[in-house]
Protein backbone atom coordinates (compact mmCIF):
# COMPACT_ATOMS: atom_id res chain seq x y z
CA MET A 1 -29.65 39.19 17.34
CA GLN A 2 -29.09 35.35 16.60
CA LYS A 3 -25.45 34.44 16.41
CA LYS A 4 -24.37 32.96 13.19
CA THR A 5 -23.77 29.40 13.10
CA LYS A 6 -20.04 28.59 12.17
CA LYS A 7 -19.61 26.04 9.30
CA LYS A 8 -18.03 22.71 10.28
CA VAL A 9 -15.03 21.16 8.67
CA VAL A 10 -13.39 17.76 9.55
CA LEU A 11 -9.55 18.27 8.97
CA ALA A 12 -7.41 15.29 8.45
CA TYR A 13 -4.87 16.44 11.05
CA SER A 14 -1.14 15.16 11.64
CA GLY A 15 0.10 17.43 14.16
CA GLY A 16 2.93 18.66 11.60
CA LEU A 17 3.66 22.18 10.23
CA ASP A 18 1.33 22.00 7.26
CA THR A 19 -1.94 20.77 8.99
CA SER A 20 -1.28 22.92 12.08
CA VAL A 21 -1.20 26.00 9.99
CA ILE A 22 -4.02 24.82 7.91
CA LEU A 23 -6.11 24.25 10.96
CA LYS A 24 -5.40 27.93 12.11
CA TRP A 25 -6.17 29.26 8.78
CA LEU A 26 -9.41 27.52 8.67
CA VAL A 27 -10.08 29.02 12.11
CA GLU A 28 -9.31 32.52 10.95
CA LYS A 29 -11.56 31.85 7.97
CA GLY A 30 -14.41 31.42 10.30
CA TYR A 31 -14.86 27.66 10.26
CA GLU A 32 -15.36 25.48 13.42
CA VAL A 33 -12.49 22.92 12.83
CA ILE A 34 -12.87 19.21 13.96
CA ALA A 35 -9.43 17.88 13.94
CA TYR A 36 -9.18 14.24 13.09
CA VAL A 37 -6.11 12.20 13.62
CA ALA A 38 -5.82 8.71 12.11
CA ASP A 39 -3.81 6.22 13.88
CA VAL A 40 -2.73 3.92 11.29
CA GLY A 41 0.53 2.58 13.00
CA GLN A 42 2.70 5.67 12.53
CA PRO A 43 4.99 6.13 15.62
CA ASP A 44 3.50 9.44 16.81
CA ASP A 45 2.52 10.77 20.47
CA PHE A 46 -1.29 11.20 19.87
CA GLU A 47 -1.93 12.75 23.09
CA ALA A 48 0.60 15.54 22.17
CA ILE A 49 -1.07 15.82 18.82
CA LYS A 50 -4.34 15.97 20.40
CA LYS A 51 -3.26 18.74 22.86
CA LYS A 52 -1.49 20.77 20.00
CA ALA A 53 -4.84 20.59 17.80
CA ILE A 54 -6.84 22.03 20.55
CA LYS A 55 -4.27 24.82 21.43
CA THR A 56 -4.03 25.70 17.63
CA GLY A 57 -7.97 26.26 17.75
CA ALA A 58 -9.76 22.99 17.09
CA ALA A 59 -13.21 22.75 18.63
CA LYS A 60 -12.84 19.02 18.97
CA VAL A 61 -10.35 16.12 18.24
CA TYR A 62 -10.94 12.73 17.23
CA VAL A 63 -8.19 10.19 17.48
CA GLU A 64 -9.19 7.05 15.67
CA ASP A 65 -7.32 3.67 15.93
CA LEU A 66 -7.53 2.12 12.49
CA LYS A 67 -4.59 -0.41 12.67
CA ARG A 68 -6.76 -3.54 12.82
CA GLU A 69 -9.18 -2.30 10.14
CA LEU A 70 -6.11 -1.52 7.90
CA VAL A 71 -4.91 -5.11 8.13
CA THR A 72 -8.06 -7.06 7.81
CA ASP A 73 -9.83 -4.91 5.28
CA TYR A 74 -7.26 -3.45 3.19
CA VAL A 75 -3.86 -5.04 3.63
CA PHE A 76 -5.18 -8.69 3.35
CA PRO A 77 -7.34 -8.15 0.31
CA ALA A 78 -4.27 -6.38 -1.40
CA ILE A 79 -2.22 -9.54 -0.40
CA LYS A 80 -4.95 -11.68 -1.97
CA ALA A 81 -4.41 -9.64 -5.25
CA ASN A 82 -0.66 -9.96 -4.84
CA ALA A 83 -0.68 -6.06 -5.53
CA VAL A 84 2.46 -4.19 -6.30
CA TYR A 85 2.61 -0.87 -8.48
CA GLU A 86 4.90 -0.90 -11.22
CA GLY A 87 6.37 -4.14 -10.19
CA ARG A 88 8.18 -2.81 -7.08
CA TYR A 89 6.17 -0.44 -4.92
CA MET A 90 4.21 -2.23 -2.30
CA LEU A 91 1.53 0.38 -1.96
CA GLY A 92 2.01 1.26 1.71
CA THR A 93 0.63 4.78 1.61
CA SER A 94 -1.89 4.07 -1.22
CA ILE A 95 -3.55 1.22 0.89
CA ALA A 96 -4.12 3.39 3.94
CA ARG A 97 -5.46 6.38 2.33
CA PRO A 98 -9.02 5.09 1.50
CA LEU A 99 -9.43 3.84 5.09
CA ILE A 100 -8.40 7.31 6.43
CA ALA A 101 -10.90 9.08 4.03
CA LYS A 102 -13.71 6.60 5.06
CA LYS A 103 -13.34 7.54 8.70
CA GLN A 104 -13.16 11.21 7.83
CA ILE A 105 -16.36 10.95 6.23
CA GLU A 106 -18.12 8.96 8.98
CA ILE A 107 -17.00 11.76 11.47
CA ALA A 108 -18.28 14.41 9.25
CA HIS A 109 -21.74 12.64 9.04
CA LYS A 110 -21.52 12.36 12.91
CA GLU A 111 -20.61 15.92 13.38
CA ASN A 112 -23.18 17.27 10.66
CA ALA A 113 -20.10 18.76 9.01
CA GLU A 114 -20.66 20.02 5.52
CA PHE A 115 -16.74 20.40 4.76
CA VAL A 116 -13.79 17.98 5.03
CA ALA A 117 -10.19 19.18 4.45
CA HIS A 118 -6.87 17.69 4.01
CA GLY A 119 -3.22 18.94 3.69
CA SER A 120 -2.08 17.15 0.56
CA THR A 121 0.04 18.99 -2.05
CA GLY A 122 -1.37 19.68 -5.51
CA LYS A 123 1.41 17.81 -7.03
CA GLY A 124 1.08 14.37 -5.38
CA ASN A 125 -1.08 11.15 -5.45
CA ASP A 126 -2.76 11.77 -1.87
CA GLN A 127 -4.84 14.62 -2.98
CA VAL A 128 -6.43 12.22 -5.46
CA ARG A 129 -6.72 9.24 -3.12
CA PHE A 130 -8.49 11.47 -0.47
CA GLU A 131 -10.78 13.38 -2.66
CA LEU A 132 -12.14 10.48 -4.85
CA SER A 133 -12.76 8.43 -1.83
CA TYR A 134 -14.44 11.33 -0.20
CA TYR A 135 -16.93 11.94 -3.16
CA ALA A 136 -17.22 8.08 -3.65
CA LEU A 137 -18.60 7.96 -0.08
CA ASP A 138 -20.50 11.15 0.09
CA PRO A 139 -21.22 12.71 -3.39
CA ASP A 140 -22.65 15.94 -1.58
CA ILE A 141 -19.56 16.44 0.52
CA LYS A 142 -17.60 19.67 0.22
CA VAL A 143 -13.71 19.50 0.12
CA ILE A 144 -11.33 22.15 1.19
CA ALA A 145 -7.91 21.64 -0.13
CA PRO A 146 -5.74 24.50 0.89
CA TRP A 147 -2.76 23.67 -1.40
CA LYS A 148 -5.19 24.17 -4.49
CA ASN A 149 -6.79 27.42 -3.00
CA LYS A 150 -5.58 30.55 -4.62
CA GLU A 151 -5.70 32.58 -1.54
CA PHE A 152 -3.84 29.92 0.56
CA LEU A 153 -1.15 29.78 -2.02
CA GLU A 154 -0.64 33.58 -2.19
CA LYS A 155 -0.35 33.71 1.53
CA PHE A 156 2.04 30.77 1.81
CA LYS A 157 4.50 30.61 -0.95
CA GLY A 158 6.84 28.35 1.02
CA ARG A 159 8.15 26.93 4.17
CA THR A 160 9.36 30.01 5.39
CA ASP A 161 5.96 31.66 5.14
CA LEU A 162 4.59 28.66 7.07
CA LEU A 163 6.96 28.78 9.89
CA ASN A 164 6.59 32.55 10.07
CA TYR A 165 2.80 32.15 10.47
CA ALA A 166 3.28 29.32 12.93
CA SER A 167 5.57 31.62 15.15
CA LYS A 168 3.14 34.64 14.93
CA HIS A 169 0.22 32.15 16.24
CA GLY A 170 2.23 30.46 18.71
CA ILE A 171 2.12 27.03 16.95
CA ASP A 172 4.82 24.85 18.31
CA VAL A 173 7.37 24.04 15.38
CA SER A 174 9.89 22.12 17.24
CA GLN A 175 8.82 18.94 15.52
CA SER A 176 8.67 20.54 12.20
CA LYS A 177 12.38 21.44 11.89
CA GLU A 178 13.62 21.46 8.16
CA LYS A 179 14.21 17.86 7.01
CA PRO A 180 16.37 16.85 4.16
CA TYR A 181 13.63 14.67 2.90
CA SER A 182 9.78 13.99 3.40
CA GLU A 183 8.43 10.76 5.16
CA ASP A 184 5.06 9.19 5.48
CA ALA A 185 4.75 6.27 8.10
CA ASN A 186 2.02 3.69 8.90
CA LEU A 187 1.88 0.10 9.91
CA ILE A 188 2.51 -1.14 6.31
CA HIS A 189 5.59 0.87 5.53
CA ILE A 190 7.52 4.16 5.80
CA SER A 191 8.35 6.24 2.73
CA HIS A 192 11.03 8.81 2.07
CA GLU A 193 11.06 11.12 -0.83
CA ALA A 194 11.76 14.76 -2.01
CA GLY A 195 14.55 17.02 -0.74
CA ILE A 196 17.98 15.43 -1.06
CA LEU A 197 16.48 12.26 -2.64
CA GLU A 198 15.05 13.95 -5.66
CA ASP A 199 18.29 13.36 -7.69
CA PRO A 200 17.80 9.74 -8.83
CA SER A 201 21.51 9.44 -9.67
CA VAL A 202 22.54 9.81 -6.17
CA PRO A 203 22.45 6.76 -3.98
CA PHE A 204 20.49 7.19 -0.74
CA ASP A 205 22.32 7.17 2.69
CA GLU A 206 21.33 3.99 4.43
CA LYS A 207 21.07 6.04 7.70
CA ILE A 208 17.54 7.36 6.71
CA LEU A 209 16.19 3.57 7.20
CA LYS A 210 13.99 3.42 10.21
CA TYR A 211 11.82 0.13 9.73
CA CYS A 212 14.49 -2.05 8.40
CA ASN A 213 18.16 -2.94 9.07
CA THR A 214 20.65 -2.46 6.55
CA LEU A 215 21.87 -5.70 5.03
CA LYS A 216 25.23 -5.11 6.88
CA GLU A 217 23.34 -4.86 10.14
CA ALA A 218 21.08 -7.93 9.48
CA PRO A 219 22.39 -10.96 11.42
CA ASP A 220 24.44 -13.54 9.59
CA LYS A 221 21.83 -16.13 10.51
CA GLU A 222 18.56 -16.95 8.65
CA THR A 223 15.09 -16.84 10.50
CA LYS A 224 12.99 -19.82 9.47
CA ILE A 225 9.21 -19.47 9.73
CA GLU A 226 6.10 -20.75 8.41
CA ILE A 227 2.92 -18.92 7.37
CA HIS A 228 -0.62 -20.49 7.11
CA PHE A 229 -3.29 -19.62 4.91
CA LYS A 230 -6.91 -19.91 4.64
CA ASP A 231 -8.84 -18.75 1.41
CA GLY A 232 -5.74 -16.57 0.64
CA ILE A 233 -5.59 -15.00 3.94
CA PRO A 234 -2.72 -15.45 6.50
CA ILE A 235 -4.14 -16.97 9.59
CA LYS A 236 -0.92 -17.90 11.61
CA VAL A 237 2.85 -17.43 11.70
CA VAL A 238 5.07 -19.92 13.32
CA ASN A 239 8.67 -19.05 14.08
CA LYS A 240 10.49 -22.50 13.65
CA GLU A 241 13.37 -21.52 16.19
CA ASP A 242 11.68 -20.37 19.11
CA LYS A 243 8.20 -21.80 18.43
CA LYS A 244 6.50 -18.57 18.77
CA THR A 245 2.99 -18.72 17.27
CA VAL A 246 0.93 -15.61 16.24
CA GLU A 247 -2.81 -15.75 14.94
CA ASP A 248 -4.33 -12.60 15.62
CA PRO A 249 -4.33 -10.39 12.31
CA LEU A 250 -2.87 -7.20 13.73
CA GLU A 251 -0.47 -9.17 15.91
CA LEU A 252 0.63 -11.38 12.93
CA PHE A 253 1.33 -8.44 10.90
CA THR A 254 3.26 -6.65 13.30
CA TYR A 255 5.36 -9.70 14.04
CA LEU A 256 6.19 -10.09 10.47
CA ASN A 257 7.28 -6.34 10.29
CA GLU A 258 9.67 -7.17 13.39
CA LEU A 259 11.25 -10.36 11.41
CA GLY A 260 11.38 -8.20 8.36
CA LYS A 261 13.22 -5.47 10.08
CA ILE A 262 15.62 -7.74 11.85
CA ASN A 263 16.73 -9.13 8.36
CA GLY A 264 16.62 -6.19 6.30
CA ILE A 265 13.80 -7.29 4.08
CA GLY A 266 11.52 -4.94 2.12
CA VAL A 267 13.94 -1.76 1.05
CA VAL A 268 13.21 -0.54 -2.29
CA ASP A 269 14.58 2.47 -4.03
CA MET A 270 12.66 3.40 -7.24
CA VAL A 271 11.52 5.91 -9.54
CA GLU A 272 7.60 5.72 -10.16
CA ASN A 273 4.95 7.41 -12.09
CA ARG A 274 2.54 9.42 -10.01
CA PHE A 275 -0.99 9.59 -11.37
CA VAL A 276 -0.78 13.27 -12.16
CA GLY A 277 1.87 12.40 -14.72
CA ILE A 278 4.90 13.31 -12.63
CA LYS A 279 7.81 10.87 -12.07
CA SER A 280 9.02 10.76 -8.52
CA ARG A 281 11.90 8.83 -6.66
CA GLY A 282 11.02 7.32 -3.39
CA ILE A 283 12.88 5.02 -0.93
CA TYR A 284 10.25 2.62 0.66
CA GLU A 285 10.61 0.15 3.65
CA THR A 286 7.83 -2.62 3.70
CA PRO A 287 9.09 -5.54 5.70
CA GLY A 288 5.99 -7.48 6.65
CA TYR A 289 4.04 -6.95 3.40
CA THR A 290 6.94 -8.06 1.42
CA ILE A 291 7.31 -11.37 3.33
CA LEU A 292 3.51 -12.00 3.00
CA ARG A 293 3.33 -11.24 -0.55
CA VAL A 294 6.19 -13.82 -1.54
CA ALA A 295 4.59 -16.45 0.79
CA HIS A 296 1.10 -15.95 -0.87
CA GLN A 297 2.25 -16.12 -4.18
CA ASP A 298 4.06 -19.46 -3.62
CA ILE A 299 0.99 -21.03 -2.09
CA GLU A 300 -1.03 -19.93 -5.07
CA GLY A 301 1.44 -22.13 -7.27
CA ILE A 302 0.50 -25.37 -5.62
CA ALA A 303 -3.21 -24.44 -4.97
CA MET A 304 -4.46 -22.46 -7.94
CA ASP A 305 -5.75 -23.60 -11.06
CA ARG A 306 -3.43 -22.57 -13.91
CA GLU A 307 -6.12 -20.78 -15.96
CA VAL A 308 -7.57 -19.02 -12.92
CA MET A 309 -3.93 -17.93 -12.24
CA ARG A 310 -3.56 -16.63 -15.50
CA LEU A 311 -6.73 -14.41 -15.54
CA ARG A 312 -5.93 -13.19 -11.83
CA ASP A 313 -2.49 -12.25 -12.94
CA MET A 314 -3.94 -9.87 -15.58
CA LEU A 315 -6.17 -8.48 -12.94
CA ALA A 316 -3.49 -7.76 -10.45
CA PRO A 317 -1.95 -4.96 -12.31
CA LYS A 318 -5.17 -3.11 -12.71
CA PHE A 319 -6.07 -3.91 -9.00
CA SER A 320 -2.72 -2.33 -8.02
CA GLU A 321 -3.18 0.81 -10.32
CA LEU A 322 -6.68 1.36 -8.98
CA VAL A 323 -5.23 1.49 -5.39
CA TYR A 324 -2.50 3.71 -6.39
CA TYR A 325 -4.60 6.03 -8.15
CA GLY A 326 -7.27 6.28 -5.52
CA PHE A 327 -10.09 4.18 -6.70
CA TRP A 328 -10.59 1.83 -4.03
CA PHE A 329 -14.30 2.65 -3.65
CA SER A 330 -15.17 2.39 -7.18
CA PRO A 331 -17.60 0.00 -9.19
CA GLU A 332 -14.37 -1.45 -11.18
CA MET A 333 -12.73 -2.08 -7.71
CA ASP A 334 -15.79 -4.00 -6.48
CA PHE A 335 -15.73 -6.04 -9.77
CA LEU A 336 -12.07 -6.90 -9.43
CA MET A 337 -12.23 -7.77 -5.69
CA SER A 338 -15.26 -10.25 -6.34
CA ALA A 339 -13.19 -11.84 -8.90
CA ILE A 340 -10.09 -11.93 -6.82
CA ASN A 341 -11.95 -13.23 -3.64
CA LYS A 342 -13.49 -16.04 -5.94
CA SER A 343 -9.93 -17.02 -6.96
CA GLN A 344 -8.91 -17.43 -3.15
CA GLU A 345 -11.46 -19.86 -2.24
CA MET A 346 -8.99 -22.98 -2.01
CA ILE A 347 -5.78 -21.20 -1.44
CA ASP A 348 -5.16 -22.94 1.90
CA GLY A 349 -1.92 -24.47 3.31
CA VAL A 350 1.53 -23.47 4.69
CA VAL A 351 4.53 -21.99 3.35
CA HIS A 352 7.90 -22.43 4.84
CA LEU A 353 10.34 -19.60 4.48
CA SER A 354 13.85 -18.47 5.21
CA LEU A 355 14.46 -14.81 6.06
CA TYR A 356 18.05 -13.65 5.46
CA LYS A 357 19.85 -10.39 4.74
CA GLY A 358 16.97 -8.89 2.62
CA ASN A 359 16.07 -12.22 0.92
CA VAL A 360 12.72 -14.04 1.30
CA SER A 361 13.33 -17.62 0.18
CA VAL A 362 10.72 -20.36 -0.26
CA LEU A 363 11.83 -23.51 1.23
CA ALA A 364 8.50 -25.61 0.88
CA ARG A 365 5.00 -25.70 0.84
CA GLU A 366 1.91 -27.89 1.58
CA SER A 367 -1.72 -27.59 0.88
CA PRO A 368 -4.81 -29.67 1.43
CA SER A 369 -6.16 -28.11 -1.77
CA SER A 370 -3.00 -29.09 -3.62
CA LEU A 371 -3.34 -29.67 -7.49
CA TYR A 372 0.09 -30.93 -7.58
CA ASP A 373 0.25 -34.75 -8.47
CA LYS A 374 3.77 -36.14 -7.65
CA ASP A 375 3.01 -39.14 -9.86
CA LEU A 376 1.70 -37.23 -12.75
CA SER A 377 4.73 -34.80 -12.41
CA SER A 378 7.38 -37.74 -12.16
CA MET A 379 9.92 -38.27 -14.81
CA ASP A 380 10.35 -41.89 -13.49
CA ILE A 381 7.08 -43.22 -13.56
CA GLU A 382 4.15 -43.20 -16.06
CA GLY A 383 1.56 -41.97 -13.42
CA GLY A 384 -1.60 -41.96 -15.67
CA PHE A 385 0.02 -39.96 -18.24
CA ASN A 386 0.44 -41.49 -21.65
CA GLN A 387 3.68 -39.83 -23.19
CA GLN A 388 2.62 -40.96 -26.65
CA ASP A 389 -0.20 -38.50 -26.40
CA SER A 390 2.22 -35.58 -26.36
CA GLU A 391 2.86 -36.23 -30.08
CA GLY A 392 -0.64 -35.41 -31.35
CA PHE A 393 -0.78 -32.64 -28.79
CA ILE A 394 2.40 -31.06 -30.47
CA LYS A 395 1.30 -31.72 -33.98
CA ILE A 396 -1.93 -29.66 -33.37
CA ASN A 397 -0.19 -26.93 -31.91
CA ALA A 398 2.35 -26.81 -34.79
CA ILE A 399 -0.32 -26.69 -37.45
CA ARG A 400 -0.37 -22.70 -37.39
CA LEU A 401 3.41 -22.47 -37.09
CA LYS A 402 3.83 -24.74 -40.28
CA ALA A 403 1.04 -22.53 -42.18
CA ASN A 404 2.84 -19.37 -41.24
CA LYS A 405 6.19 -20.44 -42.33
CA ALA A 406 4.75 -21.60 -45.70
CA ILE A 407 3.32 -18.05 -46.29
CA LEU A 408 6.47 -16.31 -45.18
CA ASP A 409 8.42 -18.51 -47.62
CA LYS A 410 6.02 -17.75 -50.45
CA HIS A 411 6.10 -14.00 -49.60
CA ASN A 412 9.91 -13.87 -49.55
CA LYS A 413 10.19 -15.95 -52.80
CA ASP A 414 7.51 -13.60 -54.59
CA TYR A 415 9.11 -10.48 -53.21
CA PHE A 416 12.83 -11.36 -54.27
CA ASP A 417 11.92 -12.89 -57.51
């Protein structure tokens, strides 16, 4: 009798309690599980995670180093758009998810796997980001999301059930002891949420910070740097104190993370709106991205046309929303990215910055594409600007204001008479 072939599933695996239990549960359900570990810069022992996956029942394990691609193809495009969600969240988790999903689909195709799976909760944003990316990249893929599966939910009603199951099946949970909050880390940021942080009226304990010094710990001395841009992309960082110069994209971003950490830059405590309609409180540490965003906005000030900037600024919140909601791979994102890339064609130059106790201060900027005309702007010389022309300019713009005032006066007179 011919042996029945098992169905293959590629599981996004972190080595934590949830995905380890999910891996074993999928094996028990009769799947051949291929564990996929995405290295996006989180401080994990990937060799230990790989061994744990095999021990838990994975038929094969992929550990993919995605850090460079994350910076060049996801972080830098987001910087071009000055992306930030709801004015404060630097999208650290959101930017990484489409890349993780993309590689997962590539592995599924390579392994001829019919299914992909993830361990995201049914209340959060990540389930949406992963699954929308899966379907956009492969409309025929089948998704297993255990935390939305009735049978799984009936079996695992809480953390105790997960721990008991892990103990029963010999799954090491020494790395999964009860935490007072949840964390997600990558090259861009680390987030802290849930647990003791769920009460937004209670200040967070600064001891939780891992990527950034507190303001008290930050040195009482500024760090002066310059960041060079070409077409809106950072191409070089120079430390003005020790003359260290970094040009490689991944090393550049990592170095800015180090400088941001030292100076306590990029800590945000906020309540945001999840895509599913739930508000949540998060503490975010995003040092390097914060520095880059400030510098990029400043170089645009000198090198970008006013009307182009106005239109791009209208698109930036939508771009950020699409990233946050999980629509990186979508026709609307393709459209926005084309417009944003066009806006960046002459965003070249150098921004001089001071990093000091949580602050990123712009000291100066220079650009070969500068639209700034010192003579034209000067209050001391004419510089090609006839100030008498402003009289007509103002009168033309005042026409509608005068007309509106006349109508209001007539309306009020008729009403009170």
